[in-house]
Amino acid sequence: MIRKVRLEKSGYSINLGPPVTNAAGGMGRNFLHETNGGMFLKEMFDEFPEAKIRYLLQNTIVPSRDSHNYAWPLDIGIDEATGEPKFYLMKKVDNSVDLGDVMTAADWLNPDFKTRVALNEVRGLIDLERAGYFPGDMPNAMVDPEGKTTEIDIDSWQITRPGVEFLCGVGKPDWLAPELLAPWREQRLDEIATTSLHISWSLAVSLWMILRGDHPFECRFVGAGIKPGRQDRIEQGYWAFSSQHSDFKPRRGTQPLNTLDPELSFLFRKTFEVGHSKHDERPKLADWENALSRLDSGGDVTLSDLEWECVKTGSIPSHPIKRPARKGAQKPNRKRKVVAVAAVSALGVAAYAAGSYGLSSNLLSMLPFPSSVNQYSHEAVTNPREMSTQRDALPSQKLTQSDALLIKSNSRAVPAPPAISLHKLKKSKPGEIPSLWQAIQKESEK
């Protein structure tokens, strides 16, 4: 029997095909739009949260950046057989994989790509928190080959705004904060409001798995008896990198914590060790954003076709992947090298001219070097040791550009000529400034 659904806003009636098998969630299942392949219709397994969906339809948010997005409800679908709202329409997230697939591939993925995904996930949650939305059922996101993220399953979010509150009521135990595990087992999550401290813990778990692959509470048990299960370890705070629990060690082959950026290591420790019991000590979302934005390359991190195919299929590349140079990376600049050589040459000429012809400081100030120099004695010194001794005995003075720099030559028997100024030289063409070479040539012709 063909099921018909009428969209409330447009009044358009469509036939439902089979559900999309790889796009089913824990609270419902998705169907493709009959005539628009870029849209999904989501059917809820339990009671349709009509009031929450209607509120979301009227209170959308615009992402602060184009690097993250939300699969926001666009319309309500009425089941024509019953006349009741049973679906909501949302945009399909194309060419993307579940965030969990990125976590699975973390061991071999490009670190710049993982950092970008982590940063975009944080920024997406920051926008939501500012607007009063709390996705307690984390992680629920899709990732594209560029590292952009899209939050999905918006119907499960908690909404906390003035005069409005819709609780979340669901959660994934491996990501839940330890204080929520008992209510989860007792099926009481729908009685507890999700807070920013709960989000902070769940986010830290996601970031750890994006950057490192394994769950933060995976461990090697070296104590007596039976190894506690993962949820028990989370609840008791048995973090393998904590110095407080000697019976729990990192698994063999696990990278040490100090291989992470020091700031990230500090934030993870504040979450899983200090913040386990002192909830207020858990990092803010802005702390994670600051740390990750500092590490972000800022360039293009798009995965190659081979990498993307491996992420989608859960496979590992059979050979090392050659990565192209980052866009925006500076290449050796031959022109800069030529300019540098020319500048050094000019300095040599200036030194020669200053030592032999007493050029004015106005001339030297035109070169790309400091204009102030130490003024030595104007008396001739023939012995280098005497010159050094006399120089060291004199105080260092800085010359202004109006002062004349007169340094007598020690290699010539003739007295040094008076200082000259470029402004007194004849210009070769109107508007030109006489060059240093002209000055030297003029003096040598005398």
Protein backbone atom coordinates (compact mmCIF):
# COMPACT_ATOMS: atom_id res chain seq x y z
CA MET A 1 0.00 0.00 0.00
CA ILE A 2 1.38 3.40 -1.01
CA ARG A 3 1.48 5.92 1.79
CA LYS A 4 0.66 9.51 0.95
CA VAL A 5 1.96 12.53 2.83
CA ARG A 6 0.74 16.10 2.43
CA LEU A 7 3.15 18.93 3.17
CA GLU A 8 1.45 21.47 5.38
CA LYS A 9 2.99 24.68 4.00
CA SER A 10 2.89 23.92 0.30
CA GLY A 11 -0.13 21.61 0.32
CA TYR A 12 1.81 19.31 -2.00
CA SER A 13 0.93 15.59 -1.74
CA ILE A 14 3.67 13.01 -2.31
CA ASN A 15 3.96 9.23 -2.32
CA LEU A 16 6.41 7.67 0.10
CA GLY A 17 8.84 5.12 -1.24
CA PRO A 18 10.90 2.71 0.85
CA PRO A 19 12.90 4.20 3.74
CA VAL A 20 16.54 5.11 3.20
CA THR A 21 18.39 2.31 4.97
CA ASN A 22 21.63 4.20 5.61
CA ALA A 23 19.90 7.31 6.96
CA ALA A 24 17.93 5.91 9.87
CA GLY A 25 18.29 7.31 13.36
CA GLY A 26 17.36 6.06 16.78
CA MET A 27 14.18 8.13 16.94
CA GLY A 28 12.90 7.79 13.39
CA ARG A 29 13.60 6.89 9.78
CA ASN A 30 14.04 8.92 6.61
CA PHE A 31 12.30 8.76 3.25
CA LEU A 32 13.36 10.48 0.04
CA HIS A 33 11.08 13.17 -1.34
CA GLU A 34 9.24 11.75 -4.37
CA THR A 35 10.15 14.56 -6.77
CA ASN A 36 12.98 16.35 -4.97
CA GLY A 37 16.00 14.13 -4.38
CA GLY A 38 17.62 16.81 -2.25
CA MET A 39 15.02 16.46 0.52
CA PHE A 40 14.22 13.91 3.22
CA LEU A 41 11.00 13.24 5.08
CA LYS A 42 11.64 11.99 8.60
CA GLU A 43 9.03 9.83 10.31
CA MET A 44 9.14 9.53 14.09
CA PHE A 45 8.87 6.09 15.70
CA ASP A 46 7.10 7.39 18.77
CA GLU A 47 4.79 10.32 19.27
CA PHE A 48 5.51 13.15 16.85
CA PRO A 49 6.93 16.18 18.79
CA GLU A 50 4.62 18.59 17.02
CA ALA A 51 5.03 21.54 19.39
CA LYS A 52 8.84 21.34 19.26
CA ILE A 53 8.95 21.02 15.46
CA ARG A 54 6.59 23.96 15.03
CA TYR A 55 8.78 26.03 17.34
CA LEU A 56 11.89 25.09 15.33
CA LEU A 57 10.13 26.03 12.08
CA GLN A 58 9.52 29.52 13.45
CA ASN A 59 12.91 29.97 15.14
CA THR A 60 15.67 29.02 12.75
CA ILE A 61 19.23 30.19 13.26
CA VAL A 62 21.79 31.24 10.67
CA PRO A 63 25.27 29.72 11.15
CA SER A 64 27.99 32.25 11.90
CA ARG A 65 30.22 30.61 9.26
CA ASP A 66 29.70 28.55 6.13
CA SER A 67 31.93 25.82 7.59
CA HIS A 68 29.06 24.35 9.63
CA ASN A 69 25.33 23.98 9.14
CA TYR A 70 22.13 22.40 10.49
CA ALA A 71 19.57 20.09 8.87
CA TRP A 72 16.72 22.31 10.06
CA PRO A 73 13.04 21.31 9.76
CA LEU A 74 11.44 23.00 6.75
CA ASP A 75 7.86 21.73 6.81
CA ILE A 76 5.51 19.30 8.57
CA GLY A 77 4.15 16.24 6.76
CA ILE A 78 0.58 15.10 7.41
CA ASP A 79 -0.17 11.40 7.05
CA GLU A 80 -3.20 11.47 4.72
CA ALA A 81 -4.45 8.13 6.05
CA THR A 82 -4.85 9.45 9.60
CA GLY A 83 -4.78 13.22 9.12
CA GLU A 84 -2.13 13.50 11.84
CA PRO A 85 1.31 15.14 11.63
CA LYS A 86 3.83 12.35 11.44
CA PHE A 87 6.79 13.67 9.42
CA TYR A 88 8.95 16.72 9.00
CA LEU A 89 10.78 17.83 5.86
CA MET A 90 14.49 18.60 5.91
CA LYS A 91 17.30 19.10 3.44
CA LYS A 92 19.37 16.06 2.55
CA VAL A 93 23.07 16.37 3.43
CA ASP A 94 24.80 15.39 0.19
CA ASN A 95 28.25 13.83 -0.23
CA SER A 96 28.78 13.44 3.50
CA VAL A 97 29.52 10.70 5.99
CA ASP A 98 28.59 10.26 9.61
CA LEU A 99 31.04 11.86 12.03
CA GLY A 100 31.64 8.37 13.43
CA ASP A 101 33.21 7.36 10.11
CA VAL A 102 35.77 10.14 10.50
CA MET A 103 36.53 8.93 14.03
CA THR A 104 37.08 5.41 12.69
CA ALA A 105 39.58 6.71 10.13
CA ALA A 106 41.42 8.97 12.58
CA ASP A 107 44.53 6.75 12.69
CA TRP A 108 45.49 7.56 9.10
CA LEU A 109 43.60 10.74 8.20
CA ASN A 110 45.40 13.99 7.47
CA PRO A 111 45.89 15.81 10.83
CA ASP A 112 44.92 19.13 9.23
CA PHE A 113 41.61 17.63 8.10
CA LYS A 114 40.90 16.23 11.58
CA THR A 115 41.68 19.58 13.18
CA ARG A 116 39.33 21.34 10.75
CA VAL A 117 36.49 18.89 11.46
CA ALA A 118 36.99 19.29 15.21
CA LEU A 119 37.02 23.08 14.94
CA ASN A 120 33.87 23.17 12.81
CA GLU A 121 32.07 20.86 15.23
CA VAL A 122 32.94 23.18 18.12
CA ARG A 123 31.83 26.29 16.26
CA GLY A 124 28.55 24.67 15.30
CA LEU A 125 27.82 23.93 18.96
CA ILE A 126 28.81 27.44 20.03
CA ASP A 127 26.16 28.93 17.72
CA LEU A 128 23.56 26.55 19.13
CA GLU A 129 24.40 27.28 22.75
CA ARG A 130 24.14 31.02 22.16
CA ALA A 131 20.66 30.49 20.71
CA GLY A 132 19.51 28.26 23.58
CA TYR A 133 19.74 24.90 21.79
CA PHE A 134 21.47 21.93 23.47
CA PRO A 135 22.04 18.75 21.41
CA GLY A 136 22.20 16.25 24.27
CA ASP A 137 22.20 13.23 21.95
CA MET A 138 25.77 13.74 20.74
CA PRO A 139 27.37 13.11 18.36
CA ASN A 140 24.87 13.67 15.56
CA ALA A 141 26.72 15.26 12.67
CA MET A 142 27.68 14.70 9.05
CA VAL A 143 31.04 15.62 7.51
CA ASP A 144 31.92 16.38 3.89
CA PRO A 145 35.32 15.99 2.13
CA GLU A 146 36.24 19.60 2.97
CA GLY A 147 35.74 19.03 6.70
CA LYS A 148 32.48 20.99 6.89
CA THR A 149 29.97 19.71 9.44
CA THR A 150 26.17 19.55 9.52
CA GLU A 151 24.27 18.82 12.73
CA ILE A 152 21.34 16.43 12.19
CA ASP A 153 18.47 14.92 14.21
CA ILE A 154 17.46 18.38 15.37
CA ASP A 155 14.18 17.02 16.72
CA SER A 156 16.10 15.58 19.69
CA TRP A 157 17.65 18.88 20.80
CA GLN A 158 16.81 20.50 24.07
CA ILE A 159 15.42 24.01 23.66
CA THR A 160 15.89 26.34 26.60
CA ARG A 161 14.67 29.86 25.96
CA PRO A 162 12.67 32.41 27.94
CA GLY A 163 9.23 30.90 28.41
CA VAL A 164 10.10 27.80 26.36
CA GLU A 165 11.65 24.49 27.37
CA PHE A 166 11.73 21.22 25.47
CA LEU A 167 14.02 18.65 27.09
CA CYS A 168 16.20 16.26 25.14
CA GLY A 169 15.49 13.01 26.97
CA VAL A 170 17.94 10.84 24.98
CA GLY A 171 21.67 10.28 24.87
CA LYS A 172 24.46 7.94 23.83
CA PRO A 173 25.99 6.38 26.96
CA ASP A 174 29.60 6.42 25.69
CA TRP A 175 29.32 10.20 25.27
CA LEU A 176 27.16 11.09 28.25
CA ALA A 177 28.70 12.94 31.18
CA PRO A 178 29.29 10.55 34.11
CA GLU A 179 26.59 12.18 36.25
CA LEU A 180 24.00 11.33 33.57
CA LEU A 181 24.75 7.61 33.30
CA ALA A 182 22.62 6.60 36.29
CA PRO A 183 19.56 8.53 35.01
CA TRP A 184 20.17 6.99 31.57
CA ARG A 185 20.12 3.46 32.99
CA GLU A 186 16.97 4.30 34.92
CA GLN A 187 15.40 5.87 31.80
CA ARG A 188 15.03 9.22 33.53
CA LEU A 189 16.90 11.44 31.07
CA ASP A 190 13.62 13.05 30.04
CA GLU A 191 13.45 14.51 33.56
CA ILE A 192 16.89 16.16 33.45
CA ALA A 193 17.82 19.35 31.63
CA THR A 194 20.96 19.23 29.50
CA THR A 195 23.45 21.92 30.51
CA SER A 196 26.55 23.42 28.94
CA LEU A 197 28.62 21.32 31.38
CA HIS A 198 27.06 18.14 29.96
CA ILE A 199 27.75 19.38 26.42
CA SER A 200 31.36 20.14 27.40
CA TRP A 201 31.96 16.52 28.43
CA SER A 202 30.27 15.03 25.35
CA LEU A 203 32.17 17.38 23.07
CA ALA A 204 35.51 16.44 24.67
CA VAL A 205 34.78 12.76 23.99
CA SER A 206 33.98 13.55 20.35
CA LEU A 207 37.09 15.71 19.90
CA TRP A 208 39.30 13.03 21.42
CA MET A 209 37.92 10.45 18.99
CA ILE A 210 38.20 12.79 15.99
CA LEU A 211 41.84 13.53 16.76
CA ARG A 212 42.94 10.13 18.12
CA GLY A 213 40.39 7.55 17.00
CA ASP A 214 39.88 5.51 20.17
CA HIS A 215 37.50 6.28 23.02
CA PRO A 216 39.15 8.29 25.82
CA PHE A 217 38.20 5.64 28.39
CA GLU A 218 39.70 2.72 26.49
CA CYS A 219 42.44 1.26 28.66
CA ARG A 220 44.57 -1.69 29.69
CA PHE A 221 43.53 -3.08 33.07
CA VAL A 222 46.47 -4.22 35.22
CA GLY A 223 44.59 -4.66 38.49
CA ALA A 224 43.07 -7.73 40.11
CA GLY A 225 39.70 -9.15 39.16
CA ILE A 226 37.54 -8.40 36.13
CA LYS A 227 38.05 -5.30 34.04
CA PRO A 228 35.15 -2.84 34.57
CA GLY A 229 33.02 -2.07 31.53
CA ARG A 230 33.43 1.19 29.66
CA GLN A 231 30.41 2.89 31.18
CA ASP A 232 31.56 1.88 34.66
CA ARG A 233 34.99 3.32 33.91
CA ILE A 234 33.40 6.57 32.74
CA GLU A 235 31.22 6.75 35.82
CA GLN A 236 34.14 6.09 38.18
CA GLY A 237 36.61 8.29 36.30
CA TYR A 238 39.06 5.53 35.39
CA TRP A 239 40.87 7.52 32.72
CA ALA A 240 44.01 5.70 31.61
CA PHE A 241 46.07 8.91 31.41
CA SER A 242 45.25 9.93 34.97
CA SER A 243 47.87 9.46 37.68
CA GLN A 244 45.12 8.79 40.20
CA HIS A 245 44.25 5.25 39.03
CA SER A 246 47.29 2.99 38.80
CA ASP A 247 45.26 -0.07 37.76
CA PHE A 248 44.34 1.53 34.44
CA LYS A 249 47.00 2.14 31.80
CA PRO A 250 46.86 3.25 28.16
CA ARG A 251 46.56 0.36 25.74
CA ARG A 252 49.76 -0.84 24.12
CA GLY A 253 50.49 1.12 20.97
CA THR A 254 48.43 4.10 22.13
CA GLN A 255 50.13 7.42 21.49
CA PRO A 256 51.18 9.23 24.68
CA LEU A 257 49.14 12.22 25.72
CA ASN A 258 52.12 14.52 25.17
CA THR A 259 51.96 13.86 21.43
CA LEU A 260 48.96 16.18 21.42
CA ASP A 261 49.29 19.94 21.45
CA PRO A 262 49.96 21.01 25.08
CA GLU A 263 46.84 23.18 25.23
CA LEU A 264 44.64 20.35 23.98
CA SER A 265 46.22 17.96 26.50
CA PHE A 266 45.47 20.46 29.24
CA LEU A 267 41.81 20.76 28.17
CA PHE A 268 41.35 16.99 27.98
CA ARG A 269 42.85 16.62 31.44
CA LYS A 270 40.56 19.36 32.77
CA THR A 271 37.62 17.39 31.40
CA PHE A 272 38.34 13.73 32.13
CA GLU A 273 40.41 14.07 35.31
CA VAL A 274 39.61 17.34 37.09
CA GLY A 275 36.17 17.87 35.55
CA HIS A 276 34.98 14.35 36.31
CA SER A 277 34.00 15.35 39.83
CA LYS A 278 34.37 19.14 39.64
CA HIS A 279 31.92 19.81 36.85
CA ASP A 280 32.44 23.57 36.89
CA GLU A 281 36.10 23.02 35.98
CA ARG A 282 35.24 21.58 32.59
CA PRO A 283 36.41 23.73 29.67
CA LYS A 284 34.05 26.14 27.97
CA LEU A 285 33.31 25.69 24.28
CA ALA A 286 35.29 28.86 23.62
CA ASP A 287 38.37 27.24 25.20
CA TRP A 288 38.23 24.45 22.64
CA GLU A 289 37.66 26.91 19.80
CA ASN A 290 40.68 28.99 20.81
CA ALA A 291 42.96 25.95 21.01
CA LEU A 292 41.81 24.42 17.72
CA SER A 293 41.73 27.68 15.75
CA ARG A 294 45.37 28.23 16.70
CA LEU A 295 46.23 24.79 15.29
CA ASP A 296 44.08 25.09 12.17
CA SER A 297 46.16 25.38 8.99
CA GLY A 298 43.77 27.91 7.46
CA GLY A 299 44.22 26.35 4.02
CA ASP A 300 42.43 23.78 1.90
CA VAL A 301 42.17 20.42 3.71
CA THR A 302 39.93 18.66 1.18
CA LEU A 303 40.50 14.91 1.10
CA SER A 304 41.59 13.23 -2.12
CA ASP A 305 39.16 10.93 -3.92
CA LEU A 306 41.05 7.91 -2.57
CA GLU A 307 40.97 9.19 1.00
CA TRP A 308 37.28 10.03 0.78
CA GLU A 309 36.44 6.61 -0.63
CA CYS A 310 38.35 4.96 2.21
CA VAL A 311 36.46 7.04 4.79
CA LYS A 312 33.11 6.11 3.23
CA THR A 313 33.89 2.40 3.05
CA GLY A 314 35.73 2.13 6.36
CA SER A 315 38.90 0.88 4.66
CA ILE A 316 42.54 1.91 5.01
CA PRO A 317 44.66 3.20 2.09
CA SER A 318 46.97 0.43 0.88
CA HIS A 319 49.87 2.84 0.34
CA PRO A 320 50.96 6.21 1.74
CA ILE A 321 49.04 9.11 0.25
CA LYS A 322 51.07 11.95 -1.22
CA ARG A 323 49.56 15.21 -0.14
CA PRO A 324 49.81 18.32 -2.32
CA ALA A 325 51.44 21.41 -0.89
CA ARG A 326 49.11 23.56 1.15
CA LYS A 327 47.40 26.31 -0.72
CA GLY A 328 48.73 29.64 0.38
CA ALA A 329 52.10 28.23 1.41
CA GLN A 330 54.92 30.58 0.43
CA LYS A 331 57.39 29.37 -2.16
CA PRO A 332 60.99 30.60 -2.40
CA ASN A 333 60.89 34.01 -4.04
CA ARG A 334 63.73 34.62 -6.48
CA LYS A 335 62.92 38.32 -6.67
CA ARG A 336 63.28 38.67 -2.91
CA LYS A 337 66.66 36.94 -3.11
CA VAL A 338 67.83 39.35 -5.83
CA VAL A 339 66.62 42.34 -3.81
CA ALA A 340 68.44 41.05 -0.73
CA VAL A 341 71.69 40.63 -2.68
CA ALA A 342 71.30 44.12 -4.13
CA ALA A 343 70.72 45.56 -0.65
CA VAL A 344 73.84 43.89 0.70
CA SER A 345 75.82 45.19 -2.27
CA ALA A 346 74.49 48.69 -1.64
CA LEU A 347 75.57 48.43 1.98
CA GLY A 348 79.09 47.52 0.87
CA VAL A 349 79.23 50.49 -1.50
CA ALA A 350 77.89 52.75 1.23
CA ALA A 351 80.54 51.53 3.66
CA TYR A 352 83.26 52.13 1.08
CA ALA A 353 81.95 55.59 0.28
CA ALA A 354 81.56 56.51 3.92
CA GLY A 355 85.07 55.36 4.78
CA SER A 356 86.76 56.97 1.79
CA TYR A 357 84.73 60.05 0.98
CA GLY A 358 82.86 61.02 4.13
CA LEU A 359 79.35 60.85 2.67
CA SER A 360 76.60 62.52 4.64
CA SER A 361 74.17 60.62 6.84
CA ASN A 362 71.38 61.80 4.52
CA LEU A 363 72.79 59.45 1.92
CA LEU A 364 73.07 56.45 4.23
CA SER A 365 69.58 57.03 5.59
CA MET A 366 68.20 56.22 2.14
CA LEU A 367 69.39 52.62 2.45
CA PRO A 368 67.16 49.95 4.05
CA PHE A 369 69.29 49.72 7.19
CA PRO A 370 69.28 51.49 10.58
CA SER A 371 70.08 55.17 10.16
CA SER A 372 71.77 55.65 13.53
CA VAL A 373 75.41 54.67 14.01
CA ASN A 374 78.07 55.11 16.66
CA GLN A 375 80.22 58.18 16.24
CA TYR A 376 83.91 57.61 16.80
CA SER A 377 86.76 60.09 17.23
CA HIS A 378 87.48 62.32 14.23
CA GLU A 379 91.23 62.08 14.86
CA ALA A 380 93.21 59.77 12.63
CA VAL A 381 94.17 56.47 14.26
CA THR A 382 96.68 54.36 12.41
CA ASN A 383 96.85 51.38 14.79
CA PRO A 384 93.72 49.18 14.76
CA ARG A 385 94.26 48.29 18.42
CA GLU A 386 94.49 51.97 19.32
CA MET A 387 91.34 52.61 17.29
CA SER A 388 89.52 49.85 19.14
CA THR A 389 90.68 51.12 22.52
CA GLN A 390 89.75 54.68 21.74
CA ARG A 391 86.37 53.64 20.37
CA ASP A 392 85.49 51.61 23.44
CA ALA A 393 86.44 54.48 25.72
CA LEU A 394 84.00 56.87 24.06
CA PRO A 395 80.29 56.98 24.83
CA SER A 396 77.94 55.74 22.13
CA GLN A 397 75.94 58.54 20.52
CA LYS A 398 73.14 58.35 17.98
CA LEU A 399 73.26 60.67 15.01
CA THR A 400 70.27 62.34 13.52
CA GLN A 401 69.82 62.53 9.77
CA SER A 402 70.98 66.15 9.81
CA ASP A 403 74.35 65.23 11.30
CA ALA A 404 77.30 64.67 8.99
CA LEU A 405 79.08 61.37 9.32
CA LEU A 406 82.79 62.01 8.93
CA ILE A 407 85.02 58.97 9.19
CA LYS A 408 88.59 59.50 8.11
CA SER A 409 90.24 56.90 5.98
CA ASN A 410 93.18 55.05 7.50
CA SER A 411 94.32 53.53 4.22
CA ARG A 412 95.06 56.79 2.37
CA ALA A 413 97.73 59.36 2.94
CA VAL A 414 95.52 62.19 1.74
CA PRO A 415 93.01 63.79 4.08
CA ALA A 416 89.39 62.77 3.69
CA PRO A 417 87.28 65.05 1.48
CA PRO A 418 84.41 66.99 2.99
CA ALA A 419 80.96 65.44 3.22
CA ILE A 420 78.77 65.71 0.15
CA SER A 421 75.03 65.64 -0.34
CA LEU A 422 73.16 63.88 -3.14
CA HIS A 423 70.88 66.88 -3.46
CA LYS A 424 73.80 68.90 -4.88
CA LEU A 425 74.42 66.43 -7.71
CA LYS A 426 73.04 66.95 -11.18
CA LYS A 427 70.01 64.82 -11.97
CA SER A 428 70.32 62.70 -15.10
CA LYS A 429 66.62 63.15 -15.88
CA PRO A 430 63.93 65.43 -14.49
CA GLY A 431 62.41 63.94 -11.36
CA GLU A 432 65.23 61.45 -10.76
CA ILE A 433 67.22 61.27 -7.54
CA PRO A 434 70.99 61.01 -8.02
CA SER A 435 72.27 57.57 -7.18
CA LEU A 436 74.94 56.49 -4.76
CA TRP A 437 77.04 55.38 -7.71
CA GLN A 438 76.89 58.91 -9.17
CA ALA A 439 78.15 60.29 -5.88
CA ILE A 440 81.12 57.93 -5.83
CA GLN A 441 81.93 58.62 -9.47
CA LYS A 442 81.81 62.38 -8.92
CA GLU A 443 84.21 62.20 -5.99
CA SER A 444 86.61 59.86 -7.80
CA GLU A 445 86.85 62.27 -10.73
CA LYS A 446 88.10 65.10 -8.52
